[in-house]
Amino acid sequence: MRPARALIDLNALRHNYQLARESSGARALAVIKADAYGHGAVRCAQALQDIADGYAVACIEEALQLREAGIRGPILLLEGFFEAEELALIEQHEFWCVVHTQWQLEAIERSSVKAPLTVWLKMDSGMHRVGFHPEQYEGAYKRLQATGKVGKIVLMSHFSRADELDCARSEEAFEQARQALNAEVSLRNSPAILGWPQLFPQPQSNNWVRPGLMLYGATPFEVEHALASQLQPVMTVESKIISVRELPAGEPVGYGGKFVCERTTRVGVVAMGYADGYPRHAPTGTPVAVDGQLTRLIGRVSMDMLTVDLTDLPDAGVGSRVELWGKQVLASDVAMSAQTIPYQIFCNLRRVPLLYTDV
């Protein structure tokens, strides 16, 4: 069988969740949207079930998958509902729901729901994607209260530049808009949890954080960071060398001949390509590990294969284990080399079986 696979360390996932909660002093919703960033939402939710304060997903389809798998904890729909008819399912399954736009608020006002909904009211503090404008925020809050259909409201926003360690302006905008509102608050995603531990000075017990990327052990920052260094990578993507050849100096390797051997070179072919989710634009020099020793990608990534430099690894050959990213080769380093982000590295993984460690 093809040797490409992804090993998912569920104990590392639990460690990272606990780091998010303990470092923030807040309750934490584990963000497992997009199939837990490619790690498998159901298995990740099950692994966290005894410690998680709740979960966050993008949409109702993802939430229903968790309920069908027996996940009973709170589940927040980060995009809210897309049609008013979904409110019946939200009520039935006791989902929590983000409200970020006028028509959603009006749909709740017109709805026939009986059980009080838990609503997370989103403010646009500068992202300019979704959310009520600051001057509309208090009014939206009061309208939700007046419906008689909402039992609890959590105030939330999403920062556009927290990973640049610069979100103070967004916090100020949010703070001004919610001054008159007495409710729990959720501001911090992974970059803000790691980079802004002092964010929002009210008693921490009233706060919720939303760890996403950090759950999976990757840093959102391009510089070293003390708290991020405590994260444990959850996913290790590996394969094997399936062919080795020796080429003289001057010989090109791969599509377009973009890499030319500078010296006599041992070239190893790995069963992994962009159809598996390895970034096609990863350049020569992107780190890989062969049998635990660091080396480099050479040439263009193909659909099903890529090539690595074995010249300085005389003991490596057919059958040698190759780590594409994981505990030795960090996903964030691969992402930086390929001029993308670790979020995309994880979410693009496909055609590769996921193998889980037991908690």
Protein backbone atom coordinates (compact mmCIF):
# COMPACT_ATOMS: atom_id res chain seq x y z
CA MET A 1 0.00 0.00 0.00
CA ARG A 2 1.10 3.56 -0.62
CA PRO A 3 3.16 4.65 2.41
CA ALA A 4 1.90 8.24 2.74
CA ARG A 5 -0.01 8.77 5.99
CA ALA A 6 -0.75 11.30 8.72
CA LEU A 7 -0.24 10.41 12.37
CA ILE A 8 -2.50 12.34 14.75
CA ASP A 9 -1.27 12.63 18.35
CA LEU A 10 -4.41 13.15 20.43
CA ASN A 11 -2.41 13.59 23.64
CA ALA A 12 -0.66 16.57 22.04
CA LEU A 13 -4.10 17.95 21.13
CA ARG A 14 -5.17 17.74 24.77
CA HIS A 15 -1.94 19.38 25.90
CA ASN A 16 -2.48 22.30 23.54
CA TYR A 17 -6.10 22.75 24.63
CA GLN A 18 -5.09 22.83 28.27
CA LEU A 19 -2.32 25.33 27.46
CA ALA A 20 -4.92 27.61 25.85
CA ARG A 21 -7.23 27.44 28.83
CA GLU A 22 -4.59 27.69 31.55
CA SER A 23 -2.61 30.50 29.91
CA SER A 24 -5.75 32.57 29.32
CA GLY A 25 -7.53 31.76 32.58
CA ALA A 26 -10.70 31.51 30.52
CA ARG A 27 -13.18 28.96 29.31
CA ALA A 28 -12.18 27.68 25.89
CA LEU A 29 -14.14 26.60 22.83
CA ALA A 30 -12.06 24.15 20.81
CA VAL A 31 -12.31 25.32 17.21
CA ILE A 32 -12.71 22.16 15.12
CA LYS A 33 -14.21 23.63 11.94
CA ALA A 34 -13.01 22.39 8.53
CA ASP A 35 -12.76 18.84 9.89
CA ALA A 36 -10.56 20.08 12.74
CA TYR A 37 -8.22 21.78 10.28
CA GLY A 38 -7.76 18.47 8.50
CA HIS A 39 -7.16 16.47 11.70
CA GLY A 40 -10.61 14.83 11.86
CA ALA A 41 -13.33 16.68 13.75
CA VAL A 42 -15.09 13.72 15.34
CA ARG A 43 -11.95 12.05 16.71
CA CYS A 44 -10.60 15.38 17.95
CA ALA A 45 -13.87 16.25 19.66
CA GLN A 46 -13.99 12.82 21.30
CA ALA A 47 -10.43 13.20 22.53
CA LEU A 48 -11.32 16.52 24.20
CA GLN A 49 -14.77 15.58 25.43
CA ASP A 50 -13.87 15.21 29.12
CA ILE A 51 -11.97 18.52 29.31
CA ALA A 52 -13.44 20.86 26.69
CA ASP A 53 -15.82 23.66 27.68
CA GLY A 54 -17.34 23.40 24.21
CA TYR A 55 -16.58 23.39 20.51
CA ALA A 56 -16.81 25.80 17.59
CA VAL A 57 -17.53 24.88 13.98
CA ALA A 58 -18.27 26.89 10.86
CA CYS A 59 -21.76 25.71 10.03
CA ILE A 60 -24.67 23.52 11.01
CA GLU A 61 -23.56 20.59 8.82
CA GLU A 62 -20.36 20.32 10.84
CA ALA A 63 -22.29 20.60 14.11
CA LEU A 64 -24.76 17.87 13.14
CA GLN A 65 -21.88 15.52 12.34
CA LEU A 66 -20.63 15.96 15.91
CA ARG A 67 -24.06 15.39 17.45
CA GLU A 68 -24.52 12.25 15.35
CA ALA A 69 -21.18 11.01 16.72
CA GLY A 70 -22.46 11.46 20.29
CA ILE A 71 -20.79 14.79 21.14
CA ARG A 72 -23.11 16.38 23.69
CA GLY A 73 -21.22 19.50 24.78
CA PRO A 74 -21.95 23.05 23.61
CA ILE A 75 -21.29 23.63 19.90
CA LEU A 76 -21.06 27.17 18.53
CA LEU A 77 -21.89 27.91 14.88
CA LEU A 78 -19.28 30.53 13.98
CA GLU A 79 -21.08 31.66 10.81
CA GLY A 80 -24.46 31.41 12.45
CA PHE A 81 -27.30 30.18 10.25
CA PHE A 82 -27.62 30.64 6.50
CA GLU A 83 -31.39 30.20 6.29
CA ALA A 84 -34.07 31.00 8.85
CA GLU A 85 -35.29 27.39 8.67
CA GLU A 86 -32.08 26.28 10.41
CA LEU A 87 -33.30 27.84 13.66
CA ALA A 88 -35.48 24.79 14.28
CA LEU A 89 -32.39 22.55 14.18
CA ILE A 90 -30.45 24.99 16.33
CA GLU A 91 -33.21 24.80 18.92
CA GLN A 92 -33.57 21.02 18.66
CA HIS A 93 -29.86 20.28 19.08
CA GLU A 94 -29.17 23.15 21.51
CA PHE A 95 -26.50 24.67 19.32
CA TRP A 96 -25.08 28.05 20.20
CA CYS A 97 -25.28 30.53 17.36
CA VAL A 98 -23.31 33.57 16.21
CA VAL A 99 -25.47 36.44 15.00
CA HIS A 100 -23.49 38.80 12.82
CA THR A 101 -25.94 40.52 10.49
CA GLN A 102 -29.29 42.27 10.42
CA TRP A 103 -31.26 39.58 8.61
CA GLN A 104 -30.26 36.94 11.17
CA LEU A 105 -31.49 39.17 13.98
CA GLU A 106 -34.78 39.71 12.15
CA ALA A 107 -35.14 35.97 11.53
CA ILE A 108 -34.89 35.32 15.26
CA GLU A 109 -37.49 38.03 15.93
CA ARG A 110 -39.89 36.35 13.49
CA SER A 111 -39.12 32.78 14.53
CA SER A 112 -41.31 30.47 16.58
CA VAL A 113 -38.50 29.01 18.71
CA LYS A 114 -39.54 28.29 22.28
CA ALA A 115 -36.33 27.24 24.05
CA PRO A 116 -34.12 30.25 24.84
CA LEU A 117 -31.25 30.47 22.36
CA THR A 118 -27.64 31.13 23.30
CA VAL A 119 -26.42 33.83 20.94
CA TRP A 120 -22.89 35.11 20.40
CA LEU A 121 -23.32 38.63 19.07
CA LYS A 122 -20.49 39.59 16.74
CA MET A 123 -19.11 43.08 16.29
CA ASP A 124 -17.02 44.23 13.34
CA SER A 125 -14.02 45.78 15.08
CA GLY A 126 -11.97 46.27 11.93
CA MET A 127 -11.95 42.97 10.05
CA HIS A 128 -14.78 44.25 7.81
CA ARG A 129 -15.97 40.79 6.95
CA VAL A 130 -19.05 40.13 9.09
CA GLY A 131 -20.39 41.64 12.30
CA PHE A 132 -22.44 44.63 13.40
CA HIS A 133 -20.79 48.03 13.13
CA PRO A 134 -19.84 49.46 16.54
CA GLU A 135 -22.61 52.08 16.45
CA GLN A 136 -25.21 49.34 15.77
CA TYR A 137 -23.94 46.91 18.40
CA GLU A 138 -25.79 48.06 21.50
CA GLY A 139 -29.03 48.30 19.54
CA ALA A 140 -28.64 44.76 18.21
CA TYR A 141 -28.00 43.52 21.74
CA LYS A 142 -31.17 45.17 23.08
CA ARG A 143 -33.28 43.86 20.19
CA LEU A 144 -32.11 40.30 20.90
CA GLN A 145 -32.99 40.73 24.55
CA ALA A 146 -36.42 42.04 23.64
CA THR A 147 -37.32 39.01 21.51
CA GLY A 148 -37.92 36.80 24.54
CA LYS A 149 -36.29 34.01 22.52
CA VAL A 150 -32.70 34.53 23.65
CA GLY A 151 -31.54 33.32 27.03
CA LYS A 152 -27.91 34.34 26.97
CA ILE A 153 -25.80 36.68 24.85
CA VAL A 154 -22.01 36.51 24.60
CA LEU A 155 -20.26 39.52 23.10
CA MET A 156 -17.60 38.67 20.53
CA SER A 157 -15.34 40.02 17.82
CA HIS A 158 -12.53 38.73 15.62
CA PHE A 159 -9.22 40.51 15.20
CA SER A 160 -7.72 40.95 11.76
CA ARG A 161 -4.09 41.49 12.84
CA ALA A 162 -3.54 39.58 16.09
CA ASP A 163 -0.94 37.36 14.40
CA GLU A 164 1.09 40.52 13.79
CA LEU A 165 1.03 41.11 17.56
CA ASP A 166 -0.89 44.32 16.91
CA CYS A 167 -4.59 44.27 17.71
CA ALA A 168 -4.85 47.10 20.25
CA ARG A 169 -7.01 49.28 17.98
CA SER A 170 -9.51 46.46 17.49
CA GLU A 171 -9.75 45.94 21.25
CA GLU A 172 -10.35 49.63 21.82
CA ALA A 173 -13.16 49.70 19.24
CA PHE A 174 -14.81 46.70 20.86
CA GLU A 175 -14.41 48.07 24.37
CA GLN A 176 -16.05 51.38 23.46
CA ALA A 177 -19.01 49.67 21.80
CA ARG A 178 -19.77 47.28 24.66
CA GLN A 179 -19.27 49.58 27.64
CA ALA A 180 -22.97 49.70 28.51
CA LEU A 181 -23.52 45.95 28.06
CA ASN A 182 -23.16 43.50 30.92
CA ALA A 183 -22.37 40.16 29.33
CA GLU A 184 -19.66 37.56 28.87
CA VAL A 185 -17.03 38.30 26.26
CA SER A 186 -15.04 36.37 23.65
CA LEU A 187 -12.26 38.16 21.81
CA ARG A 188 -9.26 35.91 21.60
CA ASN A 189 -8.42 33.42 18.87
CA SER A 190 -5.09 31.55 18.83
CA PRO A 191 -2.87 34.55 17.95
CA ALA A 192 -4.54 36.70 20.60
CA ILE A 193 -4.37 33.96 23.26
CA LEU A 194 -0.66 33.49 22.65
CA GLY A 195 0.35 37.04 21.85
CA TRP A 196 -2.02 39.08 24.02
CA PRO A 197 -2.41 37.35 27.41
CA GLN A 198 -3.34 40.68 29.02
CA LEU A 199 -6.18 41.36 26.59
CA PHE A 200 -9.46 42.47 28.16
CA PRO A 201 -8.96 43.27 31.85
CA GLN A 202 -12.33 42.30 33.33
CA PRO A 203 -12.46 39.18 35.54
CA GLN A 204 -11.15 36.26 33.52
CA SER A 205 -14.01 33.98 34.57
CA ASN A 206 -16.31 36.01 32.31
CA ASN A 207 -14.17 35.43 29.23
CA TRP A 208 -14.26 32.81 26.52
CA VAL A 209 -11.31 32.10 24.22
CA ARG A 210 -11.42 30.33 20.86
CA PRO A 211 -8.22 28.33 20.25
CA GLY A 212 -7.98 27.04 16.70
CA LEU A 213 -4.57 26.78 15.08
CA MET A 214 -2.79 26.45 18.42
CA LEU A 215 -4.86 23.34 19.21
CA TYR A 216 -3.00 21.59 16.43
CA GLY A 217 0.41 22.66 17.66
CA ALA A 218 1.34 25.27 15.07
CA THR A 219 2.40 28.83 15.77
CA PRO A 220 0.59 31.70 14.03
CA PHE A 221 3.69 33.89 14.30
CA GLU A 222 6.65 34.25 11.97
CA VAL A 223 8.97 34.97 14.91
CA GLU A 224 9.85 32.90 17.96
CA HIS A 225 7.39 33.26 20.81
CA ALA A 226 7.75 31.93 24.35
CA LEU A 227 4.22 30.60 24.82
CA ALA A 228 3.94 29.27 21.26
CA SER A 229 7.13 27.28 21.85
CA GLN A 230 5.20 25.17 24.39
CA LEU A 231 2.81 23.88 21.73
CA GLN A 232 3.10 20.24 20.65
CA PRO A 233 2.56 19.37 16.97
CA VAL A 234 -0.46 17.10 16.59
CA MET A 235 -0.10 16.00 12.95
CA THR A 236 2.93 14.24 11.50
CA VAL A 237 2.73 13.66 7.75
CA GLU A 238 5.14 11.01 6.57
CA SER A 239 5.90 8.76 3.64
CA LYS A 240 8.84 6.73 2.31
CA ILE A 241 11.56 6.86 -0.30
CA ILE A 242 10.40 4.72 -3.24
CA SER A 243 13.31 5.26 -5.63
CA VAL A 244 16.92 6.50 -5.55
CA ARG A 245 19.20 7.53 -8.39
CA GLU A 246 22.55 9.27 -8.66
CA LEU A 247 22.87 12.15 -11.10
CA PRO A 248 25.99 14.02 -12.21
CA ALA A 249 26.49 17.75 -11.82
CA GLY A 250 24.53 19.72 -14.41
CA GLU A 251 21.56 17.30 -14.63
CA PRO A 252 18.08 18.81 -14.09
CA VAL A 253 15.49 17.24 -11.78
CA GLY A 254 11.72 17.38 -12.13
CA TYR A 255 9.25 19.36 -14.22
CA GLY A 256 10.77 22.31 -16.02
CA GLY A 257 14.27 21.41 -14.89
CA LYS A 258 14.08 24.14 -12.27
CA PHE A 259 16.64 22.37 -10.10
CA VAL A 260 20.02 21.55 -11.62
CA CYS A 261 22.47 19.41 -9.67
CA GLU A 262 25.41 21.51 -8.47
CA ARG A 263 27.40 18.32 -7.78
CA THR A 264 26.96 14.57 -8.06
CA THR A 265 23.63 14.18 -6.28
CA ARG A 266 21.71 11.26 -4.80
CA VAL A 267 18.07 11.96 -5.50
CA GLY A 268 15.36 10.26 -3.45
CA VAL A 269 11.80 10.07 -4.74
CA VAL A 270 9.06 10.29 -2.08
CA ALA A 271 5.48 9.05 -2.42
CA MET A 272 3.89 12.42 -1.64
CA GLY A 273 2.70 15.22 -3.91
CA TYR A 274 0.33 18.12 -4.29
CA ALA A 275 -2.62 15.74 -4.75
CA ASP A 276 -1.97 14.75 -1.13
CA GLY A 277 -1.92 18.37 -0.03
CA TYR A 278 1.81 19.02 -0.02
CA PRO A 279 2.19 22.61 -1.26
CA ARG A 280 3.03 22.60 -4.97
CA HIS A 281 4.90 25.89 -4.70
CA ALA A 282 7.27 24.69 -1.99
CA PRO A 283 10.69 25.59 -3.41
CA THR A 284 14.01 23.82 -3.43
CA GLY A 285 15.40 24.05 0.09
CA THR A 286 12.11 23.43 1.92
CA PRO A 287 13.06 21.26 4.93
CA VAL A 288 12.25 17.55 5.11
CA ALA A 289 13.60 14.85 7.41
CA VAL A 290 14.76 11.43 6.20
CA ASP A 291 15.27 8.81 8.88
CA GLY A 292 15.39 11.63 11.42
CA GLN A 293 18.04 13.67 9.59
CA LEU A 294 17.24 17.03 8.07
CA THR A 295 17.68 17.54 4.34
CA ARG A 296 15.88 19.48 1.62
CA LEU A 297 13.29 19.29 -1.09
CA ILE A 298 14.75 19.66 -4.60
CA GLY A 299 12.90 20.43 -7.82
CA ARG A 300 9.22 20.95 -8.41
CA VAL A 301 6.57 19.04 -6.46
CA SER A 302 4.59 16.68 -8.70
CA MET A 303 1.04 15.42 -8.25
CA ASP A 304 2.02 12.17 -6.56
CA MET A 305 5.77 12.45 -5.91
CA LEU A 306 8.46 14.85 -4.82
CA THR A 307 12.24 14.63 -4.76
CA VAL A 308 14.69 15.14 -1.91
CA ASP A 309 18.45 15.45 -1.62
CA LEU A 310 20.09 12.31 -0.17
CA THR A 311 23.66 13.22 -1.07
CA ASP A 312 24.78 13.73 2.52
CA LEU A 313 22.68 10.84 3.86
CA PRO A 314 24.56 7.75 2.64
CA ASP A 315 22.51 5.34 4.75
CA ALA A 316 19.17 6.57 3.39
CA GLY A 317 17.56 4.62 0.57
CA VAL A 318 14.42 2.90 -0.62
CA GLY A 319 12.11 2.43 2.36
CA SER A 320 13.58 5.27 4.43
CA ARG A 321 10.98 7.19 6.44
CA VAL A 322 10.39 10.78 5.33
CA GLU A 323 8.74 13.38 7.56
CA LEU A 324 7.16 16.13 5.47
CA TRP A 325 5.95 18.01 8.54
CA GLY A 326 5.38 17.11 12.16
CA LYS A 327 7.41 17.11 15.34
CA GLN A 328 10.82 17.55 13.66
CA VAL A 329 9.90 19.54 10.55
CA LEU A 330 7.36 22.12 11.73
CA ALA A 331 4.33 22.79 9.54
CA SER A 332 4.90 26.51 10.07
CA ASP A 333 8.40 26.20 8.56
CA VAL A 334 7.07 24.36 5.51
CA ALA A 335 4.33 26.98 5.17
CA MET A 336 6.79 29.86 5.39
CA SER A 337 9.02 28.27 2.77
CA ALA A 338 6.03 27.80 0.45
CA GLN A 339 4.81 31.36 1.12
CA THR A 340 1.56 30.19 2.67
CA ILE A 341 0.25 29.64 6.21
CA PRO A 342 0.05 26.53 8.40
CA TYR A 343 -3.76 26.78 8.38
CA GLN A 344 -3.70 26.00 4.65
CA ILE A 345 -1.06 23.30 5.04
CA PHE A 346 -3.36 21.39 7.42
CA CYS A 347 -6.66 22.05 5.65
CA ASN A 348 -5.34 21.01 2.22
CA LEU A 349 -4.37 17.52 3.39
CA ARG A 350 -6.26 14.83 1.46
CA ARG A 351 -5.91 11.30 0.08
CA VAL A 352 -3.74 10.51 3.10
CA PRO A 353 -5.13 8.17 5.79
CA LEU A 354 -5.30 9.59 9.31
CA LEU A 355 -3.96 7.27 12.01
CA TYR A 356 -4.73 8.20 15.63
CA THR A 357 -2.97 7.56 18.90
CA ASP A 358 -5.33 6.66 21.74
CA VAL A 359 -5.74 9.16 24.56
